[in-house]
Amino acid sequence: MDQLTEQWVQDLRDGRTPRLWPLLIGLGVMTIGSVVLLLAEFTHPGFVTESGAHHRGPVLVLLPILVLVAGPVIAISTWLSSRQDRRILRIIRASSMPHFYLPVIAKGIRISEDLPEPRPLIWTIDRAGLHGWARNTAVPTVVVAWSAIHDIRVANKQYRGQLTGYGISIHTDDRTLVLRCRTALGRSFEVGERQLGVLLQVLSSLRRDFDPPEQ
C-alpha cells in the first residue's frame, strides 16, 4: 500500500496541479542540448561518418531532431492541459469537495455508447459516485452513482501478442466506461500499467468506503 502514498497519488487526492516550470525548464534544456548537438554534427561531419561505421550514425542524427521537435510540442500540450484543467478545477471547487480527482484523455475515451459533448476531462469521486466534468460547463456532464456500478477493473488490449492495460473499465447498469487516465492534473501524459494498478486500488477502496456491500 506504499504506492498509495506516492506524491502523484496525493496530488490527485488533493486536486493539486504539479508545478509547471520544472518540466518546462527540463524541456528547454533538452531542446537547447539537441540544437548544440546538431550544430556539432554539421560542423564536424567526420564524427558522424566515423560513428556510422559502428552503426550509431543514424541514431546520433535522428535523436537530436526528434528531441528538437518533441520538446516544443510537449511544452505547448502541457501548457494547454494545465490551463484547461485549472479552469475546470475552479468550477468543481465552487460546488463540491471531491475525495479524489481523475484526469482523463477525452478524445481517447472508449465507451459502449456516446457521451454528451463536450466530453469529460476530469472525473471526481465522492460519496455519491463519479462525476465527469468538461470544459465550459457549470455542472457535471456525466454522473455515475455507486449503486449503479457492478465492477471496476483495468481495461486491457492486445499489443504485440500480449494483453496490455490502457485504462480503467467501469461497468454499470447500462454502459461500460473505459477511462484513459492522465498522470496528473494539468498534464497530457497517459499513465502506465503500474499507475493504472494504483488507480484501480484507489477507486476500489473508495467504492468499499462509500458503497459497502449489504450484509
N, C-alpha and C. Protein backbone atom coordinates (compact mmCIF):
# COMPACT_ATOMS: atom_id res chain seq x y z
N MET A 1 0.81 -1.21 0.00
CA MET A 1 0.00 0.00 0.00
C MET A 1 0.85 1.27 0.00
N ASP A 2 2.18 1.12 -0.01
CA ASP A 2 3.03 2.31 -0.03
C ASP A 2 2.81 3.13 -1.29
N GLN A 3 2.36 2.47 -2.37
CA GLN A 3 2.12 3.18 -3.63
C GLN A 3 1.05 4.24 -3.46
N LEU A 4 0.11 4.01 -2.55
CA LEU A 4 -0.98 4.95 -2.37
C LEU A 4 -0.53 6.23 -1.67
N THR A 5 0.69 6.25 -1.16
CA THR A 5 1.21 7.46 -0.52
C THR A 5 2.19 8.19 -1.43
N GLU A 6 2.37 7.72 -2.65
CA GLU A 6 3.26 8.40 -3.58
C GLU A 6 2.74 9.80 -3.88
N GLN A 7 3.65 10.70 -4.24
CA GLN A 7 3.29 12.10 -4.40
C GLN A 7 2.22 12.31 -5.46
N TRP A 8 2.29 11.59 -6.58
CA TRP A 8 1.32 11.81 -7.65
C TRP A 8 -0.08 11.38 -7.21
N VAL A 9 -0.17 10.35 -6.36
CA VAL A 9 -1.48 9.93 -5.83
C VAL A 9 -2.01 10.98 -4.86
N GLN A 10 -1.13 11.51 -4.00
CA GLN A 10 -1.55 12.55 -3.06
C GLN A 10 -2.02 13.79 -3.80
N ASP A 11 -1.36 14.12 -4.90
CA ASP A 11 -1.78 15.28 -5.70
C ASP A 11 -3.19 15.09 -6.25
N LEU A 12 -3.51 13.86 -6.67
CA LEU A 12 -4.85 13.59 -7.18
C LEU A 12 -5.88 13.59 -6.06
N ARG A 13 -5.49 13.16 -4.88
CA ARG A 13 -6.41 13.22 -3.74
C ARG A 13 -6.74 14.67 -3.38
N ASP A 14 -5.73 15.53 -3.43
CA ASP A 14 -5.90 16.92 -3.02
C ASP A 14 -6.36 17.83 -4.15
N GLY A 15 -6.39 17.30 -5.37
CA GLY A 15 -6.75 18.14 -6.51
C GLY A 15 -5.68 19.17 -6.81
N ARG A 16 -4.42 18.78 -6.62
CA ARG A 16 -3.31 19.71 -6.78
C ARG A 16 -2.65 19.50 -8.14
N THR A 17 -2.40 20.61 -8.83
CA THR A 17 -1.70 20.57 -10.12
C THR A 17 -0.21 20.74 -9.89
N PRO A 18 0.62 19.80 -10.33
CA PRO A 18 2.07 19.94 -10.15
C PRO A 18 2.58 21.22 -10.80
N ARG A 19 3.66 21.74 -10.23
CA ARG A 19 4.25 22.96 -10.79
C ARG A 19 4.70 22.72 -12.22
N LEU A 20 4.47 23.73 -13.05
CA LEU A 20 4.75 23.59 -14.47
C LEU A 20 6.19 23.92 -14.83
N TRP A 21 6.79 24.86 -14.08
CA TRP A 21 8.09 25.38 -14.50
C TRP A 21 9.21 24.33 -14.50
N PRO A 22 9.27 23.37 -13.56
CA PRO A 22 10.37 22.38 -13.66
C PRO A 22 10.33 21.58 -14.96
N LEU A 23 9.12 21.22 -15.40
CA LEU A 23 9.00 20.47 -16.65
C LEU A 23 9.43 21.34 -17.83
N LEU A 24 8.99 22.60 -17.85
CA LEU A 24 9.34 23.47 -18.96
C LEU A 24 10.85 23.74 -19.01
N ILE A 25 11.46 23.90 -17.84
CA ILE A 25 12.92 24.09 -17.81
C ILE A 25 13.64 22.85 -18.34
N GLY A 26 13.18 21.67 -17.91
CA GLY A 26 13.79 20.43 -18.39
C GLY A 26 13.66 20.28 -19.90
N LEU A 27 12.48 20.60 -20.44
CA LEU A 27 12.28 20.51 -21.88
C LEU A 27 13.15 21.54 -22.60
N GLY A 28 13.29 22.73 -21.99
CA GLY A 28 14.14 23.76 -22.59
C GLY A 28 15.59 23.33 -22.66
N VAL A 29 16.08 22.72 -21.59
CA VAL A 29 17.46 22.24 -21.56
C VAL A 29 17.67 21.15 -22.61
N MET A 30 16.70 20.23 -22.72
CA MET A 30 16.81 19.17 -23.72
C MET A 30 16.80 19.73 -25.14
N THR A 31 15.95 20.74 -25.37
CA THR A 31 15.88 21.34 -26.71
C THR A 31 17.17 22.05 -27.06
N ILE A 32 17.70 22.83 -26.10
CA ILE A 32 18.97 23.52 -26.35
C ILE A 32 20.10 22.52 -26.58
N GLY A 33 20.11 21.45 -25.78
CA GLY A 33 21.14 20.42 -25.95
C GLY A 33 21.07 19.77 -27.32
N SER A 34 19.85 19.54 -27.82
CA SER A 34 19.71 18.93 -29.14
C SER A 34 20.19 19.86 -30.24
N VAL A 35 19.94 21.18 -30.07
CA VAL A 35 20.42 22.16 -31.05
C VAL A 35 21.95 22.17 -31.07
N VAL A 36 22.57 22.18 -29.87
CA VAL A 36 24.03 22.18 -29.78
C VAL A 36 24.61 20.92 -30.43
N LEU A 37 23.97 19.78 -30.18
CA LEU A 37 24.47 18.53 -30.76
C LEU A 37 24.35 18.53 -32.27
N LEU A 38 23.24 19.04 -32.79
CA LEU A 38 23.07 19.11 -34.25
C LEU A 38 24.11 20.03 -34.88
N LEU A 39 24.36 21.19 -34.25
CA LEU A 39 25.38 22.10 -34.77
C LEU A 39 26.76 21.43 -34.78
N ALA A 40 27.05 20.68 -33.71
CA ALA A 40 28.34 19.99 -33.64
C ALA A 40 28.45 18.94 -34.73
N GLU A 41 27.34 18.26 -35.01
CA GLU A 41 27.37 17.23 -36.05
C GLU A 41 27.58 17.84 -37.43
N PHE A 42 26.94 18.99 -37.69
CA PHE A 42 27.08 19.62 -39.00
C PHE A 42 28.46 20.26 -39.18
N THR A 43 29.03 20.72 -38.10
CA THR A 43 30.35 21.34 -38.21
C THR A 43 31.48 20.32 -38.15
N HIS A 44 31.17 19.10 -37.68
CA HIS A 44 32.17 18.02 -37.62
C HIS A 44 31.58 16.76 -38.25
N PRO A 45 31.33 16.78 -39.55
CA PRO A 45 30.70 15.62 -40.21
C PRO A 45 31.51 14.34 -40.09
N GLY A 46 32.82 14.47 -39.88
CA GLY A 46 33.64 13.27 -39.75
C GLY A 46 33.25 12.42 -38.56
N PHE A 47 32.76 13.08 -37.50
CA PHE A 47 32.36 12.34 -36.30
C PHE A 47 31.15 11.45 -36.60
N VAL A 48 30.19 12.00 -37.37
CA VAL A 48 29.01 11.21 -37.73
C VAL A 48 29.41 10.05 -38.64
N THR A 49 30.32 10.35 -39.60
CA THR A 49 30.77 9.30 -40.52
C THR A 49 31.46 8.17 -39.77
N GLU A 50 32.30 8.53 -38.82
CA GLU A 50 33.01 7.52 -38.03
C GLU A 50 32.04 6.71 -37.18
N SER A 51 31.02 7.40 -36.60
CA SER A 51 30.03 6.69 -35.79
C SER A 51 29.18 5.76 -36.64
N GLY A 52 28.98 6.16 -37.93
CA GLY A 52 28.19 5.31 -38.81
C GLY A 52 28.83 3.96 -39.02
N ALA A 53 30.16 3.92 -38.94
CA ALA A 53 30.85 2.63 -39.07
C ALA A 53 30.52 1.70 -37.93
N HIS A 54 30.10 2.28 -36.80
CA HIS A 54 29.72 1.47 -35.63
C HIS A 54 28.20 1.43 -35.47
N HIS A 55 27.47 1.77 -36.54
CA HIS A 55 26.01 1.70 -36.56
C HIS A 55 25.35 2.70 -35.59
N ARG A 56 26.07 3.76 -35.20
CA ARG A 56 25.48 4.76 -34.31
C ARG A 56 25.19 6.07 -35.04
N GLY A 57 25.63 6.17 -36.29
CA GLY A 57 25.45 7.41 -37.03
C GLY A 57 24.01 7.85 -37.15
N PRO A 58 23.09 6.99 -37.65
CA PRO A 58 21.68 7.40 -37.77
C PRO A 58 21.06 7.81 -36.44
N VAL A 59 21.43 7.12 -35.37
CA VAL A 59 20.88 7.45 -34.06
C VAL A 59 21.34 8.84 -33.62
N LEU A 60 22.62 9.14 -33.83
CA LEU A 60 23.16 10.43 -33.43
C LEU A 60 22.51 11.58 -34.19
N VAL A 61 22.09 11.33 -35.41
CA VAL A 61 21.44 12.37 -36.21
C VAL A 61 19.96 12.49 -35.89
N LEU A 62 19.27 11.35 -35.81
CA LEU A 62 17.82 11.37 -35.64
C LEU A 62 17.39 11.75 -34.23
N LEU A 63 18.12 11.30 -33.23
CA LEU A 63 17.71 11.55 -31.85
C LEU A 63 17.62 13.04 -31.52
N PRO A 64 18.64 13.86 -31.85
CA PRO A 64 18.50 15.30 -31.58
C PRO A 64 17.34 15.95 -32.33
N ILE A 65 17.09 15.48 -33.56
CA ILE A 65 15.98 16.03 -34.34
C ILE A 65 14.65 15.71 -33.67
N LEU A 66 14.51 14.46 -33.20
CA LEU A 66 13.28 14.07 -32.51
C LEU A 66 13.07 14.88 -31.24
N VAL A 67 14.14 15.07 -30.48
CA VAL A 67 14.04 15.87 -29.25
C VAL A 67 13.70 17.32 -29.58
N LEU A 68 14.31 17.85 -30.63
CA LEU A 68 14.07 19.23 -31.03
C LEU A 68 12.61 19.46 -31.42
N VAL A 69 12.00 18.47 -32.06
CA VAL A 69 10.60 18.58 -32.45
C VAL A 69 9.67 18.30 -31.28
N ALA A 70 10.00 17.26 -30.49
CA ALA A 70 9.10 16.84 -29.41
C ALA A 70 9.08 17.84 -28.26
N GLY A 71 10.21 18.50 -27.98
CA GLY A 71 10.27 19.42 -26.85
C GLY A 71 9.21 20.50 -26.89
N PRO A 72 9.14 21.31 -27.96
CA PRO A 72 8.11 22.35 -28.03
C PRO A 72 6.68 21.78 -28.07
N VAL A 73 6.50 20.63 -28.74
CA VAL A 73 5.17 20.02 -28.80
C VAL A 73 4.69 19.64 -27.41
N ILE A 74 5.56 19.00 -26.62
CA ILE A 74 5.19 18.60 -25.26
C ILE A 74 4.94 19.82 -24.39
N ALA A 75 5.77 20.85 -24.53
CA ALA A 75 5.61 22.07 -23.73
C ALA A 75 4.27 22.74 -24.00
N ILE A 76 3.91 22.87 -25.28
CA ILE A 76 2.64 23.51 -25.63
C ILE A 76 1.46 22.67 -25.16
N SER A 77 1.55 21.34 -25.37
CA SER A 77 0.48 20.45 -24.94
C SER A 77 0.26 20.51 -23.43
N THR A 78 1.37 20.52 -22.68
CA THR A 78 1.28 20.58 -21.22
C THR A 78 0.71 21.92 -20.76
N TRP A 79 1.14 23.00 -21.38
CA TRP A 79 0.62 24.33 -21.01
C TRP A 79 -0.88 24.41 -21.26
N LEU A 80 -1.35 23.89 -22.39
CA LEU A 80 -2.78 23.91 -22.70
C LEU A 80 -3.56 23.05 -21.71
N SER A 81 -3.03 21.85 -21.39
CA SER A 81 -3.71 20.99 -20.43
C SER A 81 -3.80 21.63 -19.06
N SER A 82 -2.70 22.27 -18.64
CA SER A 82 -2.68 22.94 -17.34
C SER A 82 -3.71 24.06 -17.28
N ARG A 83 -3.75 24.86 -18.32
CA ARG A 83 -4.70 25.97 -18.36
C ARG A 83 -6.14 25.47 -18.35
N GLN A 84 -6.42 24.43 -19.14
CA GLN A 84 -7.77 23.88 -19.23
C GLN A 84 -8.21 23.24 -17.93
N ASP A 85 -7.32 22.44 -17.32
CA ASP A 85 -7.66 21.76 -16.07
C ASP A 85 -7.89 22.75 -14.94
N ARG A 86 -7.08 23.79 -14.85
CA ARG A 86 -7.26 24.79 -13.79
C ARG A 86 -8.62 25.46 -13.90
N ARG A 87 -9.05 25.69 -15.13
CA ARG A 87 -10.36 26.30 -15.33
C ARG A 87 -11.47 25.38 -14.84
N ILE A 88 -11.36 24.09 -15.16
CA ILE A 88 -12.37 23.12 -14.71
C ILE A 88 -12.32 22.96 -13.20
N LEU A 89 -11.13 22.95 -12.62
CA LEU A 89 -11.00 22.81 -11.16
C LEU A 89 -11.69 23.95 -10.42
N ARG A 90 -11.61 25.15 -10.95
CA ARG A 90 -12.31 26.28 -10.31
C ARG A 90 -13.81 26.05 -10.29
N ILE A 91 -14.34 25.49 -11.36
CA ILE A 91 -15.77 25.20 -11.43
C ILE A 91 -16.13 24.09 -10.44
N ILE A 92 -15.31 23.04 -10.37
CA ILE A 92 -15.58 21.93 -9.46
C ILE A 92 -15.60 22.41 -8.02
N ARG A 93 -14.59 23.17 -7.63
CA ARG A 93 -14.46 23.60 -6.24
C ARG A 93 -15.52 24.61 -5.82
N ALA A 94 -16.16 25.22 -6.79
CA ALA A 94 -17.22 26.17 -6.46
C ALA A 94 -18.49 25.47 -5.99
N SER A 95 -18.60 24.15 -6.27
CA SER A 95 -19.85 23.47 -5.94
C SER A 95 -19.67 22.14 -5.22
N SER A 96 -18.43 21.65 -5.06
CA SER A 96 -18.26 20.34 -4.44
C SER A 96 -16.88 20.22 -3.81
N MET A 97 -16.72 19.17 -2.98
CA MET A 97 -15.43 18.86 -2.36
C MET A 97 -15.14 17.37 -2.57
N PRO A 98 -14.61 17.01 -3.72
CA PRO A 98 -14.38 15.60 -4.05
C PRO A 98 -13.31 14.97 -3.15
N HIS A 99 -13.35 13.64 -3.08
CA HIS A 99 -12.34 12.88 -2.35
C HIS A 99 -11.18 12.47 -3.25
N PHE A 100 -11.41 12.51 -4.57
CA PHE A 100 -10.34 12.12 -5.50
C PHE A 100 -10.65 12.71 -6.86
N TYR A 101 -9.57 13.06 -7.57
CA TYR A 101 -9.69 13.63 -8.93
C TYR A 101 -9.01 12.68 -9.91
N LEU A 102 -9.67 12.43 -11.04
CA LEU A 102 -9.14 11.51 -12.03
C LEU A 102 -9.13 12.20 -13.40
N PRO A 103 -7.99 12.79 -13.80
CA PRO A 103 -7.92 13.42 -15.12
C PRO A 103 -7.83 12.36 -16.22
N VAL A 104 -8.50 12.59 -17.33
CA VAL A 104 -8.55 11.61 -18.41
C VAL A 104 -8.26 12.26 -19.75
N ILE A 105 -8.05 11.41 -20.74
CA ILE A 105 -7.87 11.87 -22.12
C ILE A 105 -9.23 11.80 -22.79
N ALA A 106 -9.82 12.95 -23.05
CA ALA A 106 -11.19 12.99 -23.56
C ALA A 106 -11.32 12.35 -24.93
N LYS A 107 -10.41 12.69 -25.84
CA LYS A 107 -10.51 12.18 -27.21
C LYS A 107 -10.20 10.70 -27.28
N GLY A 108 -9.47 10.18 -26.32
CA GLY A 108 -9.09 8.78 -26.38
C GLY A 108 -10.03 7.87 -25.62
N ILE A 109 -11.12 8.40 -25.08
CA ILE A 109 -12.01 7.59 -24.26
C ILE A 109 -12.74 6.56 -25.12
N ARG A 110 -12.82 5.34 -24.64
CA ARG A 110 -13.53 4.29 -25.34
C ARG A 110 -14.74 3.89 -24.51
N ILE A 111 -15.90 3.96 -25.13
CA ILE A 111 -17.12 3.74 -24.38
C ILE A 111 -18.07 2.85 -25.18
N SER A 112 -19.04 2.28 -24.49
CA SER A 112 -20.01 1.44 -25.16
C SER A 112 -21.10 2.28 -25.83
N GLU A 113 -21.23 3.52 -25.45
CA GLU A 113 -22.18 4.43 -26.08
C GLU A 113 -21.63 5.84 -25.99
N ASP A 114 -22.10 6.71 -26.84
CA ASP A 114 -21.57 8.07 -26.89
C ASP A 114 -21.90 8.84 -25.63
N LEU A 115 -20.92 9.61 -25.15
CA LEU A 115 -21.14 10.55 -24.06
C LEU A 115 -21.50 11.91 -24.66
N PRO A 116 -22.18 12.74 -23.90
CA PRO A 116 -22.52 14.07 -24.42
C PRO A 116 -21.27 14.90 -24.64
N GLU A 117 -21.34 15.78 -25.61
CA GLU A 117 -20.24 16.71 -25.86
C GLU A 117 -20.49 18.00 -25.07
N PRO A 118 -19.43 18.65 -24.58
CA PRO A 118 -18.04 18.19 -24.60
C PRO A 118 -17.82 17.05 -23.61
N ARG A 119 -16.90 16.17 -23.95
CA ARG A 119 -16.64 15.01 -23.10
C ARG A 119 -15.84 15.40 -21.86
N PRO A 120 -16.00 14.65 -20.78
CA PRO A 120 -15.28 14.98 -19.54
C PRO A 120 -13.77 14.93 -19.69
N LEU A 121 -13.10 15.86 -19.02
CA LEU A 121 -11.64 15.87 -18.95
C LEU A 121 -11.16 15.51 -17.55
N ILE A 122 -12.02 15.73 -16.56
CA ILE A 122 -11.71 15.39 -15.17
C ILE A 122 -12.92 14.68 -14.56
N TRP A 123 -12.67 13.55 -13.94
CA TRP A 123 -13.70 12.85 -13.16
C TRP A 123 -13.40 13.06 -11.69
N THR A 124 -14.43 13.32 -10.92
CA THR A 124 -14.27 13.45 -9.47
C THR A 124 -15.03 12.32 -8.80
N ILE A 125 -14.52 11.90 -7.64
CA ILE A 125 -15.13 10.81 -6.88
C ILE A 125 -15.49 11.32 -5.50
N ASP A 126 -16.74 11.08 -5.10
CA ASP A 126 -17.19 11.44 -3.75
C ASP A 126 -18.19 10.39 -3.27
N ARG A 127 -18.92 10.69 -2.21
CA ARG A 127 -19.83 9.71 -1.63
C ARG A 127 -20.97 9.33 -2.56
N ALA A 128 -21.32 10.23 -3.49
CA ALA A 128 -22.43 9.95 -4.40
C ALA A 128 -22.02 9.07 -5.58
N GLY A 129 -20.74 9.13 -5.98
CA GLY A 129 -20.29 8.34 -7.11
C GLY A 129 -19.23 9.07 -7.92
N LEU A 130 -19.27 8.89 -9.22
CA LEU A 130 -18.31 9.50 -10.12
C LEU A 130 -18.99 10.59 -10.94
N HIS A 131 -18.29 11.71 -11.11
CA HIS A 131 -18.84 12.84 -11.85
C HIS A 131 -17.85 13.27 -12.93
N GLY A 132 -18.33 13.34 -14.17
CA GLY A 132 -17.47 13.74 -15.27
C GLY A 132 -17.64 15.21 -15.60
N TRP A 133 -16.55 15.97 -15.50
CA TRP A 133 -16.58 17.42 -15.72
C TRP A 133 -15.87 17.75 -17.03
N ALA A 134 -16.52 18.57 -17.84
CA ALA A 134 -15.95 19.02 -19.11
C ALA A 134 -15.68 20.51 -19.05
N ARG A 135 -15.01 21.02 -20.05
CA ARG A 135 -14.73 22.45 -20.11
C ARG A 135 -16.00 23.23 -20.45
N ASN A 136 -16.07 24.43 -19.92
CA ASN A 136 -17.17 25.36 -20.21
C ASN A 136 -18.53 24.84 -19.78
N THR A 137 -18.56 24.01 -18.74
CA THR A 137 -19.84 23.55 -18.21
C THR A 137 -19.84 23.80 -16.70
N ALA A 138 -20.99 24.23 -16.18
CA ALA A 138 -21.08 24.57 -14.75
C ALA A 138 -21.45 23.37 -13.89
N VAL A 139 -21.90 22.28 -14.51
CA VAL A 139 -22.29 21.07 -13.77
C VAL A 139 -21.67 19.86 -14.48
N PRO A 140 -21.59 18.72 -13.80
CA PRO A 140 -21.05 17.52 -14.46
C PRO A 140 -21.89 17.12 -15.67
N THR A 141 -21.22 16.69 -16.72
CA THR A 141 -21.94 16.23 -17.91
C THR A 141 -22.34 14.75 -17.81
N VAL A 142 -21.66 14.01 -16.91
CA VAL A 142 -21.98 12.60 -16.69
C VAL A 142 -21.90 12.33 -15.19
N VAL A 143 -22.89 11.61 -14.66
CA VAL A 143 -22.89 11.20 -13.25
C VAL A 143 -23.15 9.70 -13.19
N VAL A 144 -22.28 8.99 -12.45
CA VAL A 144 -22.43 7.55 -12.28
C VAL A 144 -22.50 7.26 -10.78
N ALA A 145 -23.67 6.82 -10.31
CA ALA A 145 -23.84 6.53 -8.88
C ALA A 145 -23.15 5.22 -8.52
N TRP A 146 -22.67 5.15 -7.27
CA TRP A 146 -22.02 3.92 -6.81
C TRP A 146 -22.96 2.72 -6.94
N SER A 147 -24.23 2.94 -6.67
CA SER A 147 -25.19 1.83 -6.69
C SER A 147 -25.38 1.24 -8.09
N ALA A 148 -25.01 2.02 -9.13
CA ALA A 148 -25.16 1.53 -10.50
C ALA A 148 -23.93 0.78 -11.00
N ILE A 149 -22.83 0.83 -10.23
CA ILE A 149 -21.58 0.21 -10.68
C ILE A 149 -21.52 -1.25 -10.25
N HIS A 150 -21.28 -2.13 -11.23
CA HIS A 150 -21.15 -3.56 -10.95
C HIS A 150 -19.70 -3.98 -10.75
N ASP A 151 -18.80 -3.33 -11.47
CA ASP A 151 -17.41 -3.78 -11.44
C ASP A 151 -16.48 -2.67 -11.91
N ILE A 152 -15.29 -2.62 -11.30
CA ILE A 152 -14.24 -1.70 -11.74
C ILE A 152 -12.97 -2.52 -11.92
N ARG A 153 -12.38 -2.44 -13.09
CA ARG A 153 -11.18 -3.23 -13.37
C ARG A 153 -10.28 -2.49 -14.37
N VAL A 154 -9.08 -3.01 -14.56
CA VAL A 154 -8.18 -2.47 -15.58
C VAL A 154 -8.63 -2.98 -16.94
N ALA A 155 -8.78 -2.08 -17.91
CA ALA A 155 -9.13 -2.46 -19.27
C ALA A 155 -7.86 -2.85 -20.03
N ASN A 156 -7.90 -3.98 -20.72
CA ASN A 156 -6.73 -4.48 -21.44
C ASN A 156 -6.99 -4.52 -22.94
N LYS A 157 -5.91 -4.46 -23.71
CA LYS A 157 -5.98 -4.62 -25.15
C LYS A 157 -4.78 -5.45 -25.60
N GLN A 158 -4.90 -6.03 -26.78
CA GLN A 158 -3.81 -6.83 -27.34
C GLN A 158 -2.74 -5.91 -27.94
N TYR A 159 -1.50 -6.12 -27.53
CA TYR A 159 -0.39 -5.37 -28.10
C TYR A 159 0.80 -6.30 -28.26
N ARG A 160 1.16 -6.56 -29.51
CA ARG A 160 2.26 -7.46 -29.83
C ARG A 160 2.08 -8.83 -29.18
N GLY A 161 0.86 -9.30 -29.24
CA GLY A 161 0.56 -10.63 -28.75
C GLY A 161 0.37 -10.74 -27.25
N GLN A 162 0.41 -9.61 -26.54
CA GLN A 162 0.23 -9.64 -25.09
C GLN A 162 -0.87 -8.67 -24.68
N LEU A 163 -1.51 -8.97 -23.55
CA LEU A 163 -2.52 -8.08 -23.01
C LEU A 163 -1.84 -6.91 -22.29
N THR A 164 -2.24 -5.71 -22.64
CA THR A 164 -1.65 -4.51 -22.05
C THR A 164 -2.76 -3.63 -21.49
N GLY A 165 -2.61 -3.18 -20.26
CA GLY A 165 -3.58 -2.29 -19.65
C GLY A 165 -3.50 -0.89 -20.26
N TYR A 166 -4.66 -0.32 -20.56
CA TYR A 166 -4.68 1.02 -21.16
C TYR A 166 -5.70 1.96 -20.52
N GLY A 167 -6.49 1.47 -19.57
CA GLY A 167 -7.49 2.34 -18.95
C GLY A 167 -8.19 1.65 -17.79
N ILE A 168 -9.09 2.40 -17.17
CA ILE A 168 -9.93 1.88 -16.10
C ILE A 168 -11.32 1.62 -16.66
N SER A 169 -11.78 0.38 -16.55
CA SER A 169 -13.08 -0.02 -17.07
C SER A 169 -14.12 -0.03 -15.95
N ILE A 170 -15.20 0.72 -16.14
CA ILE A 170 -16.26 0.83 -15.13
C ILE A 170 -17.54 0.30 -15.74
N HIS A 171 -18.05 -0.81 -15.20
CA HIS A 171 -19.25 -1.45 -15.72
C HIS A 171 -20.45 -1.04 -14.87
N THR A 172 -21.47 -0.49 -15.53
CA THR A 172 -22.67 -0.03 -14.83
C THR A 172 -23.89 -0.77 -15.36
N ASP A 173 -25.06 -0.34 -14.91
CA ASP A 173 -26.31 -0.97 -15.34
C ASP A 173 -26.52 -0.87 -16.85
N ASP A 174 -26.15 0.27 -17.44
CA ASP A 174 -26.50 0.49 -18.84
C ASP A 174 -25.33 0.84 -19.75
N ARG A 175 -24.10 0.81 -19.23
CA ARG A 175 -22.96 1.16 -20.09
C ARG A 175 -21.66 0.64 -19.49
N THR A 176 -20.63 0.70 -20.31
CA THR A 176 -19.28 0.42 -19.85
C THR A 176 -18.40 1.60 -20.21
N LEU A 177 -17.86 2.25 -19.20
CA LEU A 177 -16.96 3.38 -19.43
C LEU A 177 -15.52 2.89 -19.32
N VAL A 178 -14.70 3.26 -20.29
CA VAL A 178 -13.28 2.96 -20.21
C VAL A 178 -12.54 4.28 -20.22
N LEU A 179 -11.96 4.63 -19.09
CA LEU A 179 -11.31 5.92 -18.93
C LEU A 179 -9.81 5.77 -19.10
N ARG A 180 -9.26 6.50 -20.06
CA ARG A 180 -7.81 6.52 -20.27
C ARG A 180 -7.25 7.67 -19.43
N CYS A 181 -6.59 7.31 -18.36
CA CYS A 181 -6.23 8.29 -17.34
C CYS A 181 -4.91 8.99 -17.65
N ARG A 182 -4.81 10.24 -17.17
CA ARG A 182 -3.58 11.00 -17.28
C ARG A 182 -2.81 10.92 -15.96
N THR A 183 -1.52 11.23 -16.03
CA THR A 183 -0.65 11.08 -14.86
C THR A 183 -0.93 12.10 -13.77
N ALA A 184 -1.46 13.26 -14.14
CA ALA A 184 -1.67 14.32 -13.15
C ALA A 184 -2.61 15.36 -13.73
N LEU A 185 -3.20 16.14 -12.86
CA LEU A 185 -3.97 17.30 -13.29
C LEU A 185 -3.01 18.29 -13.96
N GLY A 186 -3.43 18.82 -15.09
CA GLY A 186 -2.57 19.77 -15.79
C GLY A 186 -1.50 19.12 -16.64
N ARG A 187 -1.56 17.81 -16.81
CA ARG A 187 -0.59 17.10 -17.65
C ARG A 187 -1.35 16.33 -18.73
N SER A 188 -0.70 16.17 -19.89
CA SER A 188 -1.33 15.47 -21.00
C SER A 188 -0.81 14.05 -21.16
N PHE A 189 0.10 13.61 -20.28
CA PHE A 189 0.72 12.29 -20.41
C PHE A 189 -0.22 11.21 -19.88
N GLU A 190 -0.24 10.09 -20.60
CA GLU A 190 -1.08 8.96 -20.20
C GLU A 190 -0.34 8.08 -19.19
N VAL A 191 -1.08 7.53 -18.23
CA VAL A 191 -0.46 6.70 -17.20
C VAL A 191 -0.01 5.37 -17.79
N GLY A 192 0.94 4.74 -17.10
CA GLY A 192 1.41 3.42 -17.47
C GLY A 192 0.65 2.34 -16.72
N GLU A 193 1.02 1.09 -16.98
CA GLU A 193 0.30 -0.04 -16.37
C GLU A 193 0.42 -0.04 -14.85
N ARG A 194 1.60 0.27 -14.34
CA ARG A 194 1.77 0.27 -12.88
C ARG A 194 0.86 1.32 -12.24
N GLN A 195 0.79 2.50 -12.83
CA GLN A 195 -0.06 3.54 -12.29
C GLN A 195 -1.54 3.19 -12.41
N LEU A 196 -1.90 2.49 -13.49
CA LEU A 196 -3.29 2.03 -13.62
C LEU A 196 -3.66 1.11 -12.46
N GLY A 197 -2.73 0.23 -12.08
CA GLY A 197 -2.98 -0.65 -10.95
C GLY A 197 -3.20 0.11 -9.66
N VAL A 198 -2.44 1.18 -9.47
CA VAL A 198 -2.60 2.00 -8.26
C VAL A 198 -3.95 2.71 -8.28
N LEU A 199 -4.32 3.27 -9.43
CA LEU A 199 -5.61 3.96 -9.54
C LEU A 199 -6.77 2.99 -9.29
N LEU A 200 -6.62 1.76 -9.76
CA LEU A 200 -7.65 0.75 -9.50
C LEU A 200 -7.79 0.50 -8.00
N GLN A 201 -6.67 0.43 -7.29
CA GLN A 201 -6.71 0.26 -5.83
C GLN A 201 -7.45 1.41 -5.17
N VAL A 202 -7.18 2.63 -5.63
CA VAL A 202 -7.81 3.81 -5.04
C VAL A 202 -9.32 3.77 -5.26
N LEU A 203 -9.74 3.52 -6.50
CA LEU A 203 -11.17 3.50 -6.80
C LEU A 203 -11.89 2.37 -6.07
N SER A 204 -11.25 1.21 -5.99
CA SER A 204 -11.85 0.08 -5.29
C SER A 204 -11.99 0.38 -3.80
N SER A 205 -11.00 1.05 -3.23
CA SER A 205 -11.06 1.43 -1.82
C SER A 205 -12.18 2.44 -1.56
N LEU A 206 -12.29 3.43 -2.43
CA LEU A 206 -13.35 4.42 -2.27
C LEU A 206 -14.72 3.77 -2.43
N ARG A 207 -14.83 2.83 -3.34
CA ARG A 207 -16.11 2.15 -3.51
C ARG A 207 -16.49 1.37 -2.26
N ARG A 208 -15.51 0.70 -1.65
CA ARG A 208 -15.81 -0.04 -0.42
C ARG A 208 -16.23 0.91 0.70
N ASP A 209 -15.63 2.09 0.75
CA ASP A 209 -15.96 3.05 1.81
C ASP A 209 -17.33 3.68 1.62
N PHE A 210 -17.67 4.00 0.37
CA PHE A 210 -18.90 4.75 0.11
C PHE A 210 -20.08 3.88 -0.29
N ASP A 211 -19.82 2.65 -0.75
CA ASP A 211 -20.90 1.75 -1.17
C ASP A 211 -20.61 0.35 -0.67
N PRO A 212 -20.58 0.17 0.66
CA PRO A 212 -20.25 -1.14 1.22
C PRO A 212 -21.29 -2.18 0.83
N PRO A 213 -20.88 -3.44 0.64
CA PRO A 213 -21.84 -4.50 0.29
C PRO A 213 -22.82 -4.72 1.43
N GLU A 214 -24.04 -5.10 1.04
CA GLU A 214 -25.06 -5.37 2.04
C GLU A 214 -24.75 -6.66 2.79
N GLN A 215 -24.99 -6.64 4.07
CA GLN A 215 -24.73 -7.83 4.90
C GLN A 215 -25.87 -8.83 4.79
